[in-house]
Amino acid sequence: MENVAFLPSLGPTEMVIILVVLMLLIGAKKNAELARGIGKSMGEFKKAKNDFEKELLLGEKKPNKN
């Protein structure tokens, strides 16, 4: 795993421990909201990626008019 620029000395294990502690501090309600937001963002990202790939494929299939 690559080091994060602002956390160069932390390994993957330390990052997981920090995430677990943060999740415990934030609480269950906020964790659910955060997970829901991340899920929606990932869905939007995948949709945008698929739309972009479709446009690229359509662009390749269209013949040039030159």
PDB file of N, CA and C in Angstrom:
ATOM      1  N   MET A   1       0.842  -1.180   0.000  1.00  0.00           N
ATOM      2  CA  MET A   1       0.000   0.000   0.000  1.00  0.00           C
ATOM      3  C   MET A   1       0.882   1.236   0.000  1.00  0.00           C
ATOM      4  N   GLU A   2       0.549   2.199  -0.837  1.00  0.00           N
ATOM      5  CA  GLU A   2       1.344   3.415  -0.911  1.00  0.00           C
ATOM      6  C   GLU A   2       1.097   4.282   0.311  1.00  0.00           C
ATOM      7  N   ASN A   3       2.125   5.006   0.695  1.00  0.00           N
ATOM      8  CA  ASN A   3       1.967   5.919   1.824  1.00  0.00           C
ATOM      9  C   ASN A   3       1.193   7.146   1.387  1.00  0.00           C
ATOM     10  N   VAL A   4       0.364   7.625   2.265  1.00  0.00           N
ATOM     11  CA  VAL A   4      -0.374   8.850   2.002  1.00  0.00           C
ATOM     12  C   VAL A   4       0.587  10.009   2.217  1.00  0.00           C
ATOM     13  N   ALA A   5       0.519  11.020   1.380  1.00  0.00           N
ATOM     14  CA  ALA A   5       1.486  12.119   1.397  1.00  0.00           C
ATOM     15  C   ALA A   5       1.615  12.777   2.769  1.00  0.00           C
ATOM     16  N   PHE A   6       0.497  13.004   3.440  1.00  0.00           N
ATOM     17  CA  PHE A   6       0.568  13.698   4.720  1.00  0.00           C
ATOM     18  C   PHE A   6       0.748  12.742   5.897  1.00  0.00           C
ATOM     19  N   LEU A   7       0.742  11.441   5.657  1.00  0.00           N
ATOM     20  CA  LEU A   7       0.969  10.442   6.700  1.00  0.00           C
ATOM     21  C   LEU A   7       2.020   9.432   6.232  1.00  0.00           C
ATOM     22  N   PRO A   8       3.241   9.891   5.981  1.00  0.00           N
ATOM     23  CA  PRO A   8       4.228   9.003   5.363  1.00  0.00           C
ATOM     24  C   PRO A   8       4.694   7.841   6.234  1.00  0.00           C
ATOM     25  N   SER A   9       4.585   7.941   7.555  1.00  0.00           N
ATOM     26  CA  SER A   9       5.123   6.884   8.406  1.00  0.00           C
ATOM     27  C   SER A   9       4.076   5.873   8.859  1.00  0.00           C
ATOM     28  N   LEU A  10       2.808   6.040   8.446  1.00  0.00           N
ATOM     29  CA  LEU A  10       1.763   5.114   8.868  1.00  0.00           C
ATOM     30  C   LEU A  10       1.602   3.988   7.854  1.00  0.00           C
ATOM     31  N   GLY A  11       1.549   2.781   8.367  1.00  0.00           N
ATOM     32  CA  GLY A  11       1.300   1.624   7.518  1.00  0.00           C
ATOM     33  C   GLY A  11      -0.176   1.304   7.475  1.00  0.00           C
ATOM     34  N   PRO A  12      -0.543   0.277   6.727  1.00  0.00           N
ATOM     35  CA  PRO A  12      -1.955  -0.090   6.600  1.00  0.00           C
ATOM     36  C   PRO A  12      -2.592  -0.476   7.937  1.00  0.00           C
ATOM     37  N   THR A  13      -1.848  -1.158   8.788  1.00  0.00           N
ATOM     38  CA  THR A  13      -2.389  -1.576  10.084  1.00  0.00           C
ATOM     39  C   THR A  13      -2.727  -0.369  10.952  1.00  0.00           C
ATOM     40  N   GLU A  14      -1.818   0.598  10.994  1.00  0.00           N
ATOM     41  CA  GLU A  14      -2.062   1.792  11.794  1.00  0.00           C
ATOM     42  C   GLU A  14      -3.258   2.573  11.263  1.00  0.00           C
ATOM     43  N   MET A  15      -3.394   2.642   9.940  1.00  0.00           N
ATOM     44  CA  MET A  15      -4.528   3.361   9.350  1.00  0.00           C
ATOM     45  C   MET A  15      -5.853   2.693   9.703  1.00  0.00           C
ATOM     46  N   VAL A  16      -5.882   1.364   9.696  1.00  0.00           N
ATOM     47  CA  VAL A  16      -7.103   0.637  10.053  1.00  0.00           C
ATOM     48  C   VAL A  16      -7.453   0.898  11.510  1.00  0.00           C
ATOM     49  N   ILE A  17      -6.463   0.876  12.377  1.00  0.00           N
ATOM     50  CA  ILE A  17      -6.707   1.137  13.802  1.00  0.00           C
ATOM     51  C   ILE A  17      -7.267   2.542  13.995  1.00  0.00           C
ATOM     52  N   ILE A  18      -6.700   3.523  13.310  1.00  0.00           N
ATOM     53  CA  ILE A  18      -7.188   4.897  13.412  1.00  0.00           C
ATOM     54  C   ILE A  18      -8.625   4.987  12.917  1.00  0.00           C
ATOM     55  N   LEU A  19      -8.942   4.333  11.809  1.00  0.00           N
ATOM     56  CA  LEU A  19     -10.308   4.350  11.283  1.00  0.00           C
ATOM     57  C   LEU A  19     -11.297   3.728  12.261  1.00  0.00           C
ATOM     58  N   VAL A  20     -10.910   2.622  12.886  1.00  0.00           N
ATOM     59  CA  VAL A  20     -11.795   1.964  13.858  1.00  0.00           C
ATOM     60  C   VAL A  20     -12.046   2.881  15.052  1.00  0.00           C
ATOM     61  N   VAL A  21     -11.004   3.508  15.558  1.00  0.00           N
ATOM     62  CA  VAL A  21     -11.157   4.422  16.696  1.00  0.00           C
ATOM     63  C   VAL A  21     -12.055   5.598  16.310  1.00  0.00           C
ATOM     64  N   LEU A  22     -11.855   6.158  15.126  1.00  0.00           N
ATOM     65  CA  LEU A  22     -12.705   7.262  14.675  1.00  0.00           C
ATOM     66  C   LEU A  22     -14.162   6.835  14.552  1.00  0.00           C
ATOM     67  N   MET A  23     -14.388   5.632  14.039  1.00  0.00           N
ATOM     68  CA  MET A  23     -15.757   5.137  13.905  1.00  0.00           C
ATOM     69  C   MET A  23     -16.416   4.987  15.274  1.00  0.00           C
ATOM     70  N   LEU A  24     -15.660   4.527  16.254  1.00  0.00           N
ATOM     71  CA  LEU A  24     -16.209   4.390  17.605  1.00  0.00           C
ATOM     72  C   LEU A  24     -16.515   5.750  18.219  1.00  0.00           C
ATOM     73  N   LEU A  25     -15.681   6.733  17.941  1.00  0.00           N
ATOM     74  CA  LEU A  25     -15.895   8.068  18.487  1.00  0.00           C
ATOM     75  C   LEU A  25     -17.076   8.772  17.830  1.00  0.00           C
ATOM     76  N   ILE A  26     -17.256   8.560  16.553  1.00  0.00           N
ATOM     77  CA  ILE A  26     -18.331   9.240  15.818  1.00  0.00           C
ATOM     78  C   ILE A  26     -19.691   8.707  16.230  1.00  0.00           C
ATOM     79  N   GLY A  27     -19.816   7.413  16.376  1.00  0.00           N
ATOM     80  CA  GLY A  27     -21.088   6.825  16.781  1.00  0.00           C
ATOM     81  C   GLY A  27     -21.808   6.145  15.637  1.00  0.00           C
ATOM     82  N   ALA A  28     -22.793   5.321  16.000  1.00  0.00           N
ATOM     83  CA  ALA A  28     -23.490   4.479  15.025  1.00  0.00           C
ATOM     84  C   ALA A  28     -24.319   5.293  14.042  1.00  0.00           C
ATOM     85  N   LYS A  29     -25.013   6.313  14.520  1.00  0.00           N
ATOM     86  CA  LYS A  29     -25.883   7.094  13.635  1.00  0.00           C
ATOM     87  C   LYS A  29     -25.069   7.798  12.556  1.00  0.00           C
ATOM     88  N   LYS A  30     -24.007   8.429  12.957  1.00  0.00           N
ATOM     89  CA  LYS A  30     -23.164   9.134  11.987  1.00  0.00           C
ATOM     90  C   LYS A  30     -22.478   8.149  11.047  1.00  0.00           C
ATOM     91  N   ASN A  31     -22.107   6.975  11.566  1.00  0.00           N
ATOM     92  CA  ASN A  31     -21.484   5.966  10.707  1.00  0.00           C
ATOM     93  C   ASN A  31     -22.440   5.526   9.611  1.00  0.00           C
ATOM     94  N   ALA A  32     -23.715   5.347   9.961  1.00  0.00           N
ATOM     95  CA  ALA A  32     -24.705   4.943   8.966  1.00  0.00           C
ATOM     96  C   ALA A  32     -24.877   6.026   7.910  1.00  0.00           C
ATOM     97  N   GLU A  33     -24.938   7.283   8.345  1.00  0.00           N
ATOM     98  CA  GLU A  33     -25.063   8.393   7.401  1.00  0.00           C
ATOM     99  C   GLU A  33     -23.834   8.483   6.507  1.00  0.00           C
ATOM    100  N   LEU A  34     -22.672   8.301   7.100  1.00  0.00           N
ATOM    101  CA  LEU A  34     -21.428   8.353   6.339  1.00  0.00           C
ATOM    102  C   LEU A  34     -21.368   7.232   5.311  1.00  0.00           C
ATOM    103  N   ALA A  35     -21.723   6.026   5.715  1.00  0.00           N
ATOM    104  CA  ALA A  35     -21.718   4.883   4.797  1.00  0.00           C
ATOM    105  C   ALA A  35     -22.717   5.098   3.664  1.00  0.00           C
ATOM    106  N   ARG A  36     -23.874   5.639   3.984  1.00  0.00           N
ATOM    107  CA  ARG A  36     -24.895   5.914   2.962  1.00  0.00           C
ATOM    108  C   ARG A  36     -24.361   6.940   1.960  1.00  0.00           C
ATOM    109  N   GLY A  37     -23.724   7.976   2.453  1.00  0.00           N
ATOM    110  CA  GLY A  37     -23.157   9.004   1.580  1.00  0.00           C
ATOM    111  C   GLY A  37     -22.053   8.457   0.697  1.00  0.00           C
ATOM    112  N   ILE A  38     -21.208   7.610   1.268  1.00  0.00           N
ATOM    113  CA  ILE A  38     -20.131   6.998   0.486  1.00  0.00           C
ATOM    114  C   ILE A  38     -20.711   6.090  -0.583  1.00  0.00           C
ATOM    115  N   GLY A  39     -21.738   5.334  -0.234  1.00  0.00           N
ATOM    116  CA  GLY A  39     -22.388   4.450  -1.206  1.00  0.00           C
ATOM    117  C   GLY A  39     -22.995   5.220  -2.359  1.00  0.00           C
ATOM    118  N   LYS A  40     -23.674   6.327  -2.050  1.00  0.00           N
ATOM    119  CA  LYS A  40     -24.262   7.151  -3.105  1.00  0.00           C
ATOM    120  C   LYS A  40     -23.172   7.735  -3.998  1.00  0.00           C
ATOM    121  N   SER A  41     -22.097   8.198  -3.389  1.00  0.00           N
ATOM    122  CA  SER A  41     -20.995   8.769  -4.163  1.00  0.00           C
ATOM    123  C   SER A  41     -20.374   7.731  -5.081  1.00  0.00           C
ATOM    124  N   MET A  42     -20.191   6.522  -4.566  1.00  0.00           N
ATOM    125  CA  MET A  42     -19.620   5.458  -5.394  1.00  0.00           C
ATOM    126  C   MET A  42     -20.549   5.122  -6.554  1.00  0.00           C
ATOM    127  N   GLY A  43     -21.860   5.095  -6.306  1.00  0.00           N
ATOM    128  CA  GLY A  43     -22.821   4.824  -7.367  1.00  0.00           C
ATOM    129  C   GLY A  43     -22.774   5.892  -8.450  1.00  0.00           C
ATOM    130  N   GLU A  44     -22.698   7.155  -8.036  1.00  0.00           N
ATOM    131  CA  GLU A  44     -22.614   8.247  -8.998  1.00  0.00           C
ATOM    132  C   GLU A  44     -21.314   8.170  -9.791  1.00  0.00           C
ATOM    133  N   PHE A  45     -20.216   7.820  -9.114  1.00  0.00           N
ATOM    134  CA  PHE A  45     -18.932   7.703  -9.797  1.00  0.00           C
ATOM    135  C   PHE A  45     -18.974   6.589 -10.839  1.00  0.00           C
ATOM    136  N   LYS A  46     -19.542   5.438 -10.477  1.00  0.00           N
ATOM    137  CA  LYS A  46     -19.638   4.318 -11.418  1.00  0.00           C
ATOM    138  C   LYS A  46     -20.506   4.682 -12.613  1.00  0.00           C
ATOM    139  N   LYS A  47     -21.609   5.392 -12.364  1.00  0.00           N
ATOM    140  CA  LYS A  47     -22.493   5.804 -13.453  1.00  0.00           C
ATOM    141  C   LYS A  47     -21.757   6.751 -14.400  1.00  0.00           C
ATOM    142  N   ALA A  48     -21.039   7.715 -13.842  1.00  0.00           N
ATOM    143  CA  ALA A  48     -20.285   8.654 -14.668  1.00  0.00           C
ATOM    144  C   ALA A  48     -19.206   7.927 -15.463  1.00  0.00           C
ATOM    145  N   LYS A  49     -18.549   6.962 -14.835  1.00  0.00           N
ATOM    146  CA  LYS A  49     -17.511   6.183 -15.521  1.00  0.00           C
ATOM    147  C   LYS A  49     -18.111   5.397 -16.679  1.00  0.00           C
ATOM    148  N   ASN A  50     -19.255   4.757 -16.440  1.00  0.00           N
ATOM    149  CA  ASN A  50     -19.914   3.987 -17.499  1.00  0.00           C
ATOM    150  C   ASN A  50     -20.372   4.889 -18.636  1.00  0.00           C
ATOM    151  N   ASP A  51     -20.927   6.053 -18.310  1.00  0.00           N
ATOM    152  CA  ASP A  51     -21.346   7.000 -19.341  1.00  0.00           C
ATOM    153  C   ASP A  51     -20.152   7.456 -20.173  1.00  0.00           C
ATOM    154  N   PHE A  52     -19.037   7.722 -19.506  1.00  0.00           N
ATOM    155  CA  PHE A  52     -17.824   8.146 -20.202  1.00  0.00           C
ATOM    156  C   PHE A  52     -17.323   7.051 -21.136  1.00  0.00           C
ATOM    157  N   GLU A  53     -17.315   5.805 -20.651  1.00  0.00           N
ATOM    158  CA  GLU A  53     -16.871   4.689 -21.487  1.00  0.00           C
ATOM    159  C   GLU A  53     -17.786   4.505 -22.694  1.00  0.00           C
ATOM    160  N   LYS A  54     -19.100   4.669 -22.502  1.00  0.00           N
ATOM    161  CA  LYS A  54     -20.046   4.571 -23.620  1.00  0.00           C
ATOM    162  C   LYS A  54     -19.747   5.630 -24.672  1.00  0.00           C
ATOM    163  N   GLU A  55     -19.501   6.848 -24.226  1.00  0.00           N
ATOM    164  CA  GLU A  55     -19.195   7.933 -25.157  1.00  0.00           C
ATOM    165  C   GLU A  55     -17.916   7.641 -25.930  1.00  0.00           C
ATOM    166  N   LEU A  56     -16.926   7.092 -25.265  1.00  0.00           N
ATOM    167  CA  LEU A  56     -15.683   6.741 -25.955  1.00  0.00           C
ATOM    168  C   LEU A  56     -15.933   5.679 -27.013  1.00  0.00           C
ATOM    169  N   LEU A  57     -16.705   4.657 -26.667  1.00  0.00           N
ATOM    170  CA  LEU A  57     -16.999   3.592 -27.628  1.00  0.00           C
ATOM    171  C   LEU A  57     -17.818   4.113 -28.797  1.00  0.00           C
ATOM    172  N   LEU A  58     -18.789   4.972 -28.534  1.00  0.00           N
ATOM    173  CA  LEU A  58     -19.595   5.546 -29.614  1.00  0.00           C
ATOM    174  C   LEU A  58     -18.735   6.417 -30.520  1.00  0.00           C
ATOM    175  N   GLY A  59     -17.803   7.133 -29.931  1.00  0.00           N
ATOM    176  CA  GLY A  59     -16.899   7.977 -30.709  1.00  0.00           C
ATOM    177  C   GLY A  59     -16.002   7.152 -31.613  1.00  0.00           C
ATOM    178  N   GLU A  60     -15.583   5.980 -31.158  1.00  0.00           N
ATOM    179  CA  GLU A  60     -14.726   5.112 -31.965  1.00  0.00           C
ATOM    180  C   GLU A  60     -15.503   4.471 -33.105  1.00  0.00           C
ATOM    181  N   LYS A  61     -16.791   4.205 -32.903  1.00  0.00           N
ATOM    182  CA  LYS A  61     -17.590   3.520 -33.911  1.00  0.00           C
ATOM    183  C   LYS A  61     -18.055   4.453 -35.022  1.00  0.00           C
ATOM    184  N   LYS A  62     -18.155   5.753 -34.741  1.00  0.00           N
ATOM    185  CA  LYS A  62     -18.611   6.697 -35.756  1.00  0.00           C
ATOM    186  C   LYS A  62     -17.508   6.898 -36.791  1.00  0.00           C
ATOM    187  N   PRO A  63     -17.838   6.811 -38.077  1.00  0.00           N
ATOM    188  CA  PRO A  63     -16.821   7.032 -39.110  1.00  0.00           C
ATOM    189  C   PRO A  63     -16.484   8.518 -39.216  1.00  0.00           C
ATOM    190  N   ASN A  64     -15.247   8.779 -39.591  1.00  0.00           N
ATOM    191  CA  ASN A  64     -14.826  10.161 -39.801  1.00  0.00           C
ATOM    192  C   ASN A  64     -15.442  10.686 -41.083  1.00  0.00           C
ATOM    193  N   LYS A  65     -15.826  11.953 -41.109  1.00  0.00           N
ATOM    194  CA  LYS A  65     -16.451  12.549 -42.284  1.00  0.00           C
ATOM    195  C   LYS A  65     -15.436  13.279 -43.150  1.00  0.00           C
ATOM    196  N   ASN A  66     -14.158  13.006 -42.967  1.00  0.00           N
ATOM    197  CA  ASN A  66     -13.112  13.681 -43.757  1.00  0.00           C
ATOM    198  C   ASN A  66     -12.922  13.013 -45.074  1.00  0.00           C
TER     199      ASN A  66
END
